[in-house]
């Protein structure tokens, strides 16, 4: 009987008391972080000069592979027969 009573008390504590306590603790933590400036959004990168309408500005171009790095005589690979399974 004592076990069931303790189990019921623990259940009610977890179900009703714990959310209230967590809400109070988290709200105080968030207030403290906002006061200290803990949640700071980093500034966005500064764009270059504004482009006129119709112009395109490229930020990054990938490097081009040299011709000698490509395999000689490579025609695509081995053909694998495909069969659709339904």
PDB file of N, CA and C in Angstrom:
ATOM      1  N   UNK A   1       0.816  -1.192   0.000  1.00  0.00           N
ATOM      2  CA  UNK A   1       0.000   0.000   0.000  1.00  0.00           C
ATOM      3  C   UNK A   1       0.863   1.261   0.000  1.00  0.00           C
ATOM      4  N   UNK A   2       1.937   1.204   0.766  1.00  0.00           N
ATOM      5  CA  UNK A   2       2.821   2.352   0.856  1.00  0.00           C
ATOM      6  C   UNK A   2       3.489   2.636  -0.495  1.00  0.00           C
ATOM      7  N   UNK A   3       3.851   1.569  -1.224  1.00  0.00           N
ATOM      8  CA  UNK A   3       4.461   1.699  -2.544  1.00  0.00           C
ATOM      9  C   UNK A   3       3.536   2.442  -3.502  1.00  0.00           C
ATOM     10  N   UNK A   4       2.257   2.082  -3.535  1.00  0.00           N
ATOM     11  CA  UNK A   4       1.293   2.710  -4.428  1.00  0.00           C
ATOM     12  C   UNK A   4       1.084   4.183  -4.083  1.00  0.00           C
ATOM     13  N   UNK A   5       1.080   4.490  -2.812  1.00  0.00           N
ATOM     14  CA  UNK A   5       0.925   5.880  -2.394  1.00  0.00           C
ATOM     15  C   UNK A   5       2.109   6.731  -2.868  1.00  0.00           C
ATOM     16  N   UNK A   6       3.307   6.194  -2.698  1.00  0.00           N
ATOM     17  CA  UNK A   6       4.503   6.909  -3.155  1.00  0.00           C
ATOM     18  C   UNK A   6       4.491   7.044  -4.672  1.00  0.00           C
ATOM     19  N   UNK A   7       4.086   5.998  -5.379  1.00  0.00           N
ATOM     20  CA  UNK A   7       4.017   6.036  -6.829  1.00  0.00           C
ATOM     21  C   UNK A   7       3.024   7.091  -7.315  1.00  0.00           C
ATOM     22  N   UNK A   8       1.872   7.180  -6.689  1.00  0.00           N
ATOM     23  CA  UNK A   8       0.870   8.174  -7.061  1.00  0.00           C
ATOM     24  C   UNK A   8       1.385   9.586  -6.780  1.00  0.00           C
ATOM     25  N   UNK A   9       2.046   9.792  -5.637  1.00  0.00           N
ATOM     26  CA  UNK A   9       2.602  11.111  -5.326  1.00  0.00           C
ATOM     27  C   UNK A   9       3.685  11.522  -6.317  1.00  0.00           C
ATOM     28  N   UNK A  10       4.538  10.587  -6.702  1.00  0.00           N
ATOM     29  CA  UNK A  10       5.579  10.882  -7.682  1.00  0.00           C
ATOM     30  C   UNK A  10       4.950  11.227  -9.031  1.00  0.00           C
ATOM     31  N   UNK A  11       3.921  10.473  -9.418  1.00  0.00           N
ATOM     32  CA  UNK A  11       3.240  10.744 -10.682  1.00  0.00           C
ATOM     33  C   UNK A  11       2.644  12.147 -10.691  1.00  0.00           C
ATOM     34  N   UNK A  12       1.942  12.533  -9.642  1.00  0.00           N
ATOM     35  CA  UNK A  12       1.344  13.865  -9.590  1.00  0.00           C
ATOM     36  C   UNK A  12       2.412  14.960  -9.549  1.00  0.00           C
ATOM     37  N   UNK A  13       3.519  14.679  -8.881  1.00  0.00           N
ATOM     38  CA  UNK A  13       4.596  15.667  -8.837  1.00  0.00           C
ATOM     39  C   UNK A  13       5.185  15.862 -10.233  1.00  0.00           C
ATOM     40  N   UNK A  14       5.391  14.771 -10.947  1.00  0.00           N
ATOM     41  CA  UNK A  14       5.939  14.877 -12.292  1.00  0.00           C
ATOM     42  C   UNK A  14       4.937  15.493 -13.260  1.00  0.00           C
ATOM     43  N   UNK A  15       3.677  15.178 -13.074  1.00  0.00           N
ATOM     44  CA  UNK A  15       2.646  15.624 -14.011  1.00  0.00           C
ATOM     45  C   UNK A  15       2.268  17.092 -13.811  1.00  0.00           C
ATOM     46  N   UNK A  16       2.168  17.571 -12.597  1.00  0.00           N
ATOM     47  CA  UNK A  16       1.637  18.907 -12.335  1.00  0.00           C
ATOM     48  C   UNK A  16       2.662  19.899 -11.789  1.00  0.00           C
ATOM     49  N   UNK A  17       3.578  19.452 -10.963  1.00  0.00           N
ATOM     50  CA  UNK A  17       4.514  20.372 -10.314  1.00  0.00           C
ATOM     51  C   UNK A  17       5.742  20.628 -11.184  1.00  0.00           C
ATOM     52  N   UNK A  18       6.260  19.597 -11.823  1.00  0.00           N
ATOM     53  CA  UNK A  18       7.487  19.737 -12.607  1.00  0.00           C
ATOM     54  C   UNK A  18       7.346  20.737 -13.763  1.00  0.00           C
ATOM     55  N   UNK A  19       6.263  20.754 -14.539  1.00  0.00           N
ATOM     56  CA  UNK A  19       6.150  21.769 -15.593  1.00  0.00           C
ATOM     57  C   UNK A  19       6.162  23.195 -15.065  1.00  0.00           C
ATOM     58  N   UNK A  20       5.551  23.424 -13.927  1.00  0.00           N
ATOM     59  CA  UNK A  20       5.534  24.770 -13.348  1.00  0.00           C
ATOM     60  C   UNK A  20       6.940  25.185 -12.940  1.00  0.00           C
ATOM     61  N   UNK A  21       7.658  24.269 -12.303  1.00  0.00           N
ATOM     62  CA  UNK A  21       9.024  24.565 -11.861  1.00  0.00           C
ATOM     63  C   UNK A  21       9.928  24.815 -13.070  1.00  0.00           C
ATOM     64  N   UNK A  22       9.806  23.976 -14.092  1.00  0.00           N
ATOM     65  CA  UNK A  22      10.632  24.159 -15.281  1.00  0.00           C
ATOM     66  C   UNK A  22      10.327  25.480 -15.978  1.00  0.00           C
ATOM     67  N   UNK A  23       9.070  25.862 -16.042  1.00  0.00           N
ATOM     68  CA  UNK A  23       8.692  27.120 -16.671  1.00  0.00           C
ATOM     69  C   UNK A  23       9.314  28.300 -15.924  1.00  0.00           C
ATOM     70  N   UNK A  24       9.294  28.262 -14.605  1.00  0.00           N
ATOM     71  CA  UNK A  24       9.888  29.342 -13.818  1.00  0.00           C
ATOM     72  C   UNK A  24      11.406  29.399 -14.003  1.00  0.00           C
ATOM     73  N   UNK A  25      12.049  28.242 -13.977  1.00  0.00           N
ATOM     74  CA  UNK A  25      13.506  28.203 -14.108  1.00  0.00           C
ATOM     75  C   UNK A  25      13.928  28.672 -15.500  1.00  0.00           C
ATOM     76  N   UNK A  26      13.248  28.187 -16.538  1.00  0.00           N
ATOM     77  CA  UNK A  26      13.624  28.580 -17.892  1.00  0.00           C
ATOM     78  C   UNK A  26      13.336  30.048 -18.170  1.00  0.00           C
ATOM     79  N   UNK A  27      12.242  30.563 -17.656  1.00  0.00           N
ATOM     80  CA  UNK A  27      11.955  31.980 -17.891  1.00  0.00           C
ATOM     81  C   UNK A  27      12.993  32.865 -17.203  1.00  0.00           C
ATOM     82  N   UNK A  28      13.429  32.483 -16.004  1.00  0.00           N
ATOM     83  CA  UNK A  28      14.468  33.283 -15.335  1.00  0.00           C
ATOM     84  C   UNK A  28      15.790  33.175 -16.090  1.00  0.00           C
ATOM     85  N   UNK A  29      16.094  31.999 -16.632  1.00  0.00           N
ATOM     86  CA  UNK A  29      17.323  31.825 -17.407  1.00  0.00           C
ATOM     87  C   UNK A  29      17.288  32.683 -18.668  1.00  0.00           C
ATOM     88  N   UNK A  30      16.156  32.691 -19.358  1.00  0.00           N
ATOM     89  CA  UNK A  30      16.045  33.485 -20.586  1.00  0.00           C
ATOM     90  C   UNK A  30      16.141  34.977 -20.267  1.00  0.00           C
ATOM     91  N   UNK A  31      15.495  35.421 -19.194  1.00  0.00           N
ATOM     92  CA  UNK A  31      15.598  36.834 -18.814  1.00  0.00           C
ATOM     93  C   UNK A  31      17.042  37.215 -18.514  1.00  0.00           C
ATOM     94  N   UNK A  32      17.755  36.337 -17.811  1.00  0.00           N
ATOM     95  CA  UNK A  32      19.145  36.609 -17.464  1.00  0.00           C
ATOM     96  C   UNK A  32      20.006  36.678 -18.728  1.00  0.00           C
ATOM     97  N   UNK A  33      19.780  35.775 -19.672  1.00  0.00           N
ATOM     98  CA  UNK A  33      20.558  35.781 -20.906  1.00  0.00           C
ATOM     99  C   UNK A  33      20.259  37.023 -21.744  1.00  0.00           C
ATOM    100  N   UNK A  34      19.008  37.427 -21.777  1.00  0.00           N
ATOM    101  CA  UNK A  34      18.661  38.621 -22.544  1.00  0.00           C
ATOM    102  C   UNK A  34      19.267  39.868 -21.913  1.00  0.00           C
ATOM    103  N   UNK A  35      19.321  39.909 -20.600  1.00  0.00           N
ATOM    104  CA  UNK A  35      19.912  41.049 -19.906  1.00  0.00           C
ATOM    105  C   UNK A  35      21.418  41.106 -20.155  1.00  0.00           C
ATOM    106  N   UNK A  36      22.074  39.944 -20.181  1.00  0.00           N
ATOM    107  CA  UNK A  36      23.519  39.893 -20.388  1.00  0.00           C
ATOM    108  C   UNK A  36      23.900  39.899 -21.860  1.00  0.00           C
ATOM    109  N   UNK A  37      22.941  39.852 -22.742  1.00  0.00           N
ATOM    110  CA  UNK A  37      23.250  39.818 -24.170  1.00  0.00           C
ATOM    111  C   UNK A  37      23.728  38.462 -24.617  1.00  0.00           C
ATOM    112  N   UNK A  38      23.244  37.412 -24.019  1.00  0.00           N
ATOM    113  CA  UNK A  38      23.689  36.060 -24.349  1.00  0.00           C
ATOM    114  C   UNK A  38      23.185  35.572 -25.688  1.00  0.00           C
ATOM    115  N   UNK A  39      22.018  36.012 -26.102  1.00  0.00           N
ATOM    116  CA  UNK A  39      21.469  35.583 -27.377  1.00  0.00           C
ATOM    117  C   UNK A  39      21.720  36.676 -28.405  1.00  0.00           C
ATOM    118  N   UNK A  40      22.893  36.657 -28.999  1.00  0.00           N
ATOM    119  CA  UNK A  40      23.266  37.687 -29.957  1.00  0.00           C
ATOM    120  C   UNK A  40      23.286  37.060 -31.338  1.00  0.00           C
ATOM    121  N   UNK A  41      22.620  37.692 -32.273  1.00  0.00           N
ATOM    122  CA  UNK A  41      22.620  37.226 -33.649  1.00  0.00           C
ATOM    123  C   UNK A  41      23.821  37.837 -34.345  1.00  0.00           C
ATOM    124  N   UNK A  42      24.678  37.000 -34.958  1.00  0.00           N
ATOM    125  CA  UNK A  42      25.856  37.571 -35.618  1.00  0.00           C
ATOM    126  C   UNK A  42      25.437  38.405 -36.817  1.00  0.00           C
ATOM    127  N   UNK A  43      26.161  39.484 -37.091  1.00  0.00           N
ATOM    128  CA  UNK A  43      25.800  40.332 -38.238  1.00  0.00           C
ATOM    129  C   UNK A  43      26.026  39.587 -39.549  1.00  0.00           C
ATOM    130  N   UNK A  44      25.216  39.907 -40.515  1.00  0.00           N
ATOM    131  CA  UNK A  44      25.354  39.290 -41.830  1.00  0.00           C
ATOM    132  C   UNK A  44      26.570  39.879 -42.525  1.00  0.00           C
ATOM    133  N   UNK A  45      27.119  39.114 -43.464  1.00  0.00           N
ATOM    134  CA  UNK A  45      28.282  39.630 -44.186  1.00  0.00           C
ATOM    135  C   UNK A  45      27.869  40.857 -44.988  1.00  0.00           C
ATOM    136  N   UNK A  46      28.737  41.830 -45.001  1.00  0.00           N
ATOM    137  CA  UNK A  46      28.438  43.080 -45.679  1.00  0.00           C
ATOM    138  C   UNK A  46      28.529  42.870 -47.193  1.00  0.00           C
ATOM    139  N   UNK A  47      27.463  43.160 -47.911  1.00  0.00           N
ATOM    140  CA  UNK A  47      27.527  42.993 -49.364  1.00  0.00           C
ATOM    141  C   UNK A  47      28.425  44.046 -49.989  1.00  0.00           C
ATOM    142  N   UNK A  48      28.900  43.737 -51.181  1.00  0.00           N
ATOM    143  CA  UNK A  48      29.755  44.669 -51.911  1.00  0.00           C
ATOM    144  C   UNK A  48      28.926  45.816 -52.453  1.00  0.00           C
ATOM    145  N   UNK A  49      29.450  46.469 -53.448  1.00  0.00           N
ATOM    146  CA  UNK A  49      28.702  47.588 -54.021  1.00  0.00           C
ATOM    147  C   UNK A  49      27.401  47.079 -54.645  1.00  0.00           C
ATOM    148  N   UNK A  50      26.358  47.887 -54.551  1.00  0.00           N
ATOM    149  CA  UNK A  50      25.080  47.435 -55.110  1.00  0.00           C
ATOM    150  C   UNK A  50      25.168  47.310 -56.624  1.00  0.00           C
ATOM    151  N   UNK A  51      24.506  46.267 -57.128  1.00  0.00           N
ATOM    152  CA  UNK A  51      24.525  46.056 -58.568  1.00  0.00           C
ATOM    153  C   UNK A  51      23.335  46.764 -59.197  1.00  0.00           C
ATOM    154  N   UNK A  52      23.524  47.173 -60.401  1.00  0.00           N
ATOM    155  CA  UNK A  52      22.420  47.799 -61.115  1.00  0.00           C
ATOM    156  C   UNK A  52      21.507  46.705 -61.650  1.00  0.00           C
ATOM    157  N   UNK A  53      20.255  47.007 -61.902  1.00  0.00           N
ATOM    158  CA  UNK A  53      19.343  45.976 -62.411  1.00  0.00           C
ATOM    159  C   UNK A  53      19.844  45.387 -63.723  1.00  0.00           C
ATOM    160  N   UNK A  54      19.784  44.068 -63.808  1.00  0.00           N
ATOM    161  CA  UNK A  54      20.235  43.371 -65.006  1.00  0.00           C
ATOM    162  C   UNK A  54      21.641  42.822 -64.892  1.00  0.00           C
ATOM    163  N   UNK A  55      22.377  43.185 -63.845  1.00  0.00           N
ATOM    164  CA  UNK A  55      23.726  42.666 -63.657  1.00  0.00           C
ATOM    165  C   UNK A  55      23.698  41.489 -62.696  1.00  0.00           C
ATOM    166  N   UNK A  56      24.646  40.595 -62.856  1.00  0.00           N
ATOM    167  CA  UNK A  56      24.760  39.431 -61.991  1.00  0.00           C
ATOM    168  C   UNK A  56      26.105  39.498 -61.288  1.00  0.00           C
ATOM    169  N   UNK A  57      26.107  39.280 -59.982  1.00  0.00           N
ATOM    170  CA  UNK A  57      27.345  39.272 -59.206  1.00  0.00           C
ATOM    171  C   UNK A  57      27.588  37.868 -58.685  1.00  0.00           C
ATOM    172  N   UNK A  58      28.733  37.287 -58.968  1.00  0.00           N
ATOM    173  CA  UNK A  58      29.069  35.929 -58.556  1.00  0.00           C
ATOM    174  C   UNK A  58      29.993  36.017 -57.361  1.00  0.00           C
ATOM    175  N   UNK A  59      29.593  35.384 -56.239  1.00  0.00           N
ATOM    176  CA  UNK A  59      30.395  35.418 -55.022  1.00  0.00           C
ATOM    177  C   UNK A  59      31.515  34.377 -55.055  1.00  0.00           C
ATOM    178  N   UNK A  60      31.256  33.210 -55.663  1.00  0.00           N
ATOM    179  CA  UNK A  60      32.228  32.122 -55.609  1.00  0.00           C
ATOM    180  C   UNK A  60      32.164  31.354 -56.913  1.00  0.00           C
ATOM    181  N   UNK A  61      33.323  31.047 -57.460  1.00  0.00           N
ATOM    182  CA  UNK A  61      33.386  30.176 -58.632  1.00  0.00           C
ATOM    183  C   UNK A  61      34.258  28.987 -58.264  1.00  0.00           C
ATOM    184  N   UNK A  62      33.779  27.758 -58.482  1.00  0.00           N
ATOM    185  CA  UNK A  62      34.580  26.592 -58.124  1.00  0.00           C
ATOM    186  C   UNK A  62      35.804  26.476 -59.025  1.00  0.00           C
ATOM    187  N   UNK A  63      36.880  25.894 -58.502  1.00  0.00           N
ATOM    188  CA  UNK A  63      38.084  25.758 -59.327  1.00  0.00           C
ATOM    189  C   UNK A  63      37.844  24.779 -60.472  1.00  0.00           C
ATOM    190  N   UNK A  64      38.499  25.029 -61.586  1.00  0.00           N
ATOM    191  CA  UNK A  64      38.359  24.179 -62.769  1.00  0.00           C
ATOM    192  C   UNK A  64      39.426  23.093 -62.706  1.00  0.00           C
ATOM    193  N   UNK A  65      39.018  21.844 -62.971  1.00  0.00           N
ATOM    194  CA  UNK A  65      39.965  20.728 -62.952  1.00  0.00           C
ATOM    195  C   UNK A  65      40.864  20.817 -64.179  1.00  0.00           C
ATOM    196  N   UNK A  66      42.124  20.546 -63.963  1.00  0.00           N
ATOM    197  CA  UNK A  66      43.079  20.583 -65.067  1.00  0.00           C
ATOM    198  C   UNK A  66      42.842  19.391 -65.991  1.00  0.00           C
ATOM    199  N   UNK A  67      43.231  19.521 -67.245  1.00  0.00           N
ATOM    200  CA  UNK A  67      43.013  18.462 -68.225  1.00  0.00           C
ATOM    201  C   UNK A  67      43.801  17.207 -67.880  1.00  0.00           C
ATOM    202  N   UNK A  68      44.990  17.343 -67.289  1.00  0.00           N
ATOM    203  CA  UNK A  68      45.813  16.168 -67.011  1.00  0.00           C
ATOM    204  C   UNK A  68      45.267  15.358 -65.841  1.00  0.00           C
ATOM    205  N   UNK A  69      44.363  15.906 -65.029  1.00  0.00           N
ATOM    206  CA  UNK A  69      43.781  15.157 -63.912  1.00  0.00           C
ATOM    207  C   UNK A  69      42.669  14.223 -64.376  1.00  0.00           C
ATOM    208  N   UNK A  70      42.103  14.491 -65.554  1.00  0.00           N
ATOM    209  CA  UNK A  70      41.038  13.638 -66.071  1.00  0.00           C
ATOM    210  C   UNK A  70      41.647  12.359 -66.638  1.00  0.00           C
ATOM    211  N   UNK A  71      41.026  11.191 -66.385  1.00  0.00           N
ATOM    212  CA  UNK A  71      41.583   9.941 -66.921  1.00  0.00           C
ATOM    213  C   UNK A  71      41.488   9.911 -68.448  1.00  0.00           C
ATOM    214  N   UNK A  72      42.498   9.354 -69.065  1.00  0.00           N
ATOM    215  CA  UNK A  72      42.538   9.266 -70.519  1.00  0.00           C
ATOM    216  C   UNK A  72      41.701   8.083 -70.980  1.00  0.00           C
ATOM    217  N   UNK A  73      40.892   8.276 -71.987  1.00  0.00           N
ATOM    218  CA  UNK A  73      40.120   7.194 -72.574  1.00  0.00           C
ATOM    219  C   UNK A  73      38.914   6.778 -71.749  1.00  0.00           C
ATOM    220  N   UNK A  74      38.509   7.547 -70.791  1.00  0.00           N
ATOM    221  CA  UNK A  74      37.350   7.201 -69.959  1.00  0.00           C
ATOM    222  C   UNK A  74      36.079   7.524 -70.722  1.00  0.00           C
ATOM    223  N   UNK A  75      35.225   6.522 -70.928  1.00  0.00           N
ATOM    224  CA  UNK A  75      34.026   6.728 -71.727  1.00  0.00           C
ATOM    225  C   UNK A  75      32.755   6.614 -70.903  1.00  0.00           C
ATOM    226  N   UNK A  76      32.822   6.592 -69.604  1.00  0.00           N
ATOM    227  CA  UNK A  76      31.604   6.644 -68.811  1.00  0.00           C
ATOM    228  C   UNK A  76      31.474   5.572 -67.765  1.00  0.00           C
ATOM    229  N   UNK A  77      32.005   4.389 -67.978  1.00  0.00           N
ATOM    230  CA  UNK A  77      31.896   3.372 -66.941  1.00  0.00           C
ATOM    231  C   UNK A  77      31.208   2.122 -67.444  1.00  0.00           C
ATOM    232  N   UNK A  78      30.922   1.248 -66.528  1.00  0.00           N
ATOM    233  CA  UNK A  78      30.346  -0.047 -66.866  1.00  0.00           C
ATOM    234  C   UNK A  78      28.826   0.051 -66.882  1.00  0.00           C
ATOM    235  N   UNK A  79      28.197  -0.604 -67.851  1.00  0.00           N
ATOM    236  CA  UNK A  79      26.751  -0.597 -67.961  1.00  0.00           C
ATOM    237  C   UNK A  79      26.179  -1.651 -67.022  1.00  0.00           C
ATOM    238  N   UNK A  80      25.203  -1.238 -66.220  1.00  0.00           N
ATOM    239  CA  UNK A  80      24.528  -2.164 -65.308  1.00  0.00           C
ATOM    240  C   UNK A  80      23.076  -2.236 -65.730  1.00  0.00           C
ATOM    241  N   UNK A  81      22.615  -3.454 -66.031  1.00  0.00           N
ATOM    242  CA  UNK A  81      21.238  -3.648 -66.455  1.00  0.00           C
ATOM    243  C   UNK A  81      20.314  -3.320 -65.292  1.00  0.00           C
ATOM    244  N   UNK A  82      19.265  -2.552 -65.572  1.00  0.00           N
ATOM    245  CA  UNK A  82      18.342  -2.129 -64.529  1.00  0.00           C
ATOM    246  C   UNK A  82      17.008  -2.817 -64.729  1.00  0.00           C
ATOM    247  N   UNK A  83      16.485  -3.371 -63.678  1.00  0.00           N
ATOM    248  CA  UNK A  83      15.166  -3.992 -63.725  1.00  0.00           C
ATOM    249  C   UNK A  83      14.334  -3.399 -62.611  1.00  0.00           C
ATOM    250  N   UNK A  84      13.190  -2.829 -62.959  1.00  0.00           N
ATOM    251  CA  UNK A  84      12.335  -2.190 -61.971  1.00  0.00           C
ATOM    252  C   UNK A  84      11.572  -3.246 -61.182  1.00  0.00           C
ATOM    253  N   UNK A  85      11.586  -3.111 -59.873  1.00  0.00           N
ATOM    254  CA  UNK A  85      10.907  -4.043 -58.988  1.00  0.00           C
ATOM    255  C   UNK A  85       9.698  -3.361 -58.423  1.00  0.00           C
ATOM    256  N   UNK A  86       8.534  -4.000 -58.579  1.00  0.00           N
ATOM    257  CA  UNK A  86       7.306  -3.393 -58.063  1.00  0.00           C
ATOM    258  C   UNK A  86       6.802  -4.165 -56.877  1.00  0.00           C
TER     259      UNK A  86
END
